[in-house]
Amino acid sequence: MIKVIIADDQKILAEGIKTVLETSKEIQVTDIACDGEDCLLKIAANRPDVALLDIRMPNMNGVIATREIKREYPQVKVVILTTFDDSDYILDAINYGASGYLLKDINASSLIDAVINAYRGELILPTNIAKKITAAAKMVTAGKEIRLKKAFQLSDRETEIAMMVSENFNNRQISSALDISEGTVRNYISGIYIKLGAANRAQAKEIIEKAVKSGE
């Protein structure tokens, strides 16, 4: 059973989310918190597996709460569930360790799947959010991409995909963000493995991370 805490200052919305999640036999909502500070206290008491956080809450917002949760309870998966798709919020939450970022117009089955997949370690990002992250990330990763490209003689597209692999994007998310088929993504990743001398995704990620940090 996946234990979930919901943090949202709008109690009626939190109760609605609880009702949706508990239609799944795999999920139990253990607590509802009214803000980030309350969420931290309840996590300390009950140690949930997944925390669903709104962004804009009094006392401590969802982004800061994400930072504090991941610092104190790194095993807890944090998913942001909000009405805002602002790139700064998205990047800050992901950088602090959030496992995903969802908009509240998500349907019930997709929300349940997102919680389960986050618990399993997947990065949860809808297509439109993934594209925003890709666009924003390009502005801050140019130097890293240059180092990676030169180190392994990667093409521009291979470099772009390699960077996304290092950020835990799965093939479906890469496909959606770059508007190419999953088969094409797999072909690119196979070529990247060869150039990196990697046997699998985990090894490729480790090699990429070392390469992009080498010039820092």
Foldseek 3Di string as FASTA:
>chain_A
DAEEEEEDLPVVVVVVLQVLLVVDPVYHHPYYHNALVRVVVVCVVPVGQEYEAEADGPPHGPLRSLLVCCVVPVRHAYEYEYQDLDLVSLVSNVVSPHQEYHYNVDDSVVVNVQRVVSSVPARYYPLVSLLSNLVVVCVVCVLLLVQLCVVQVDDPVLSSLLVVLLSRHDLVNVCSNVVHDSVVSVVSVVVLCVSQVHDDSVRSSVSSVCRSPVVD
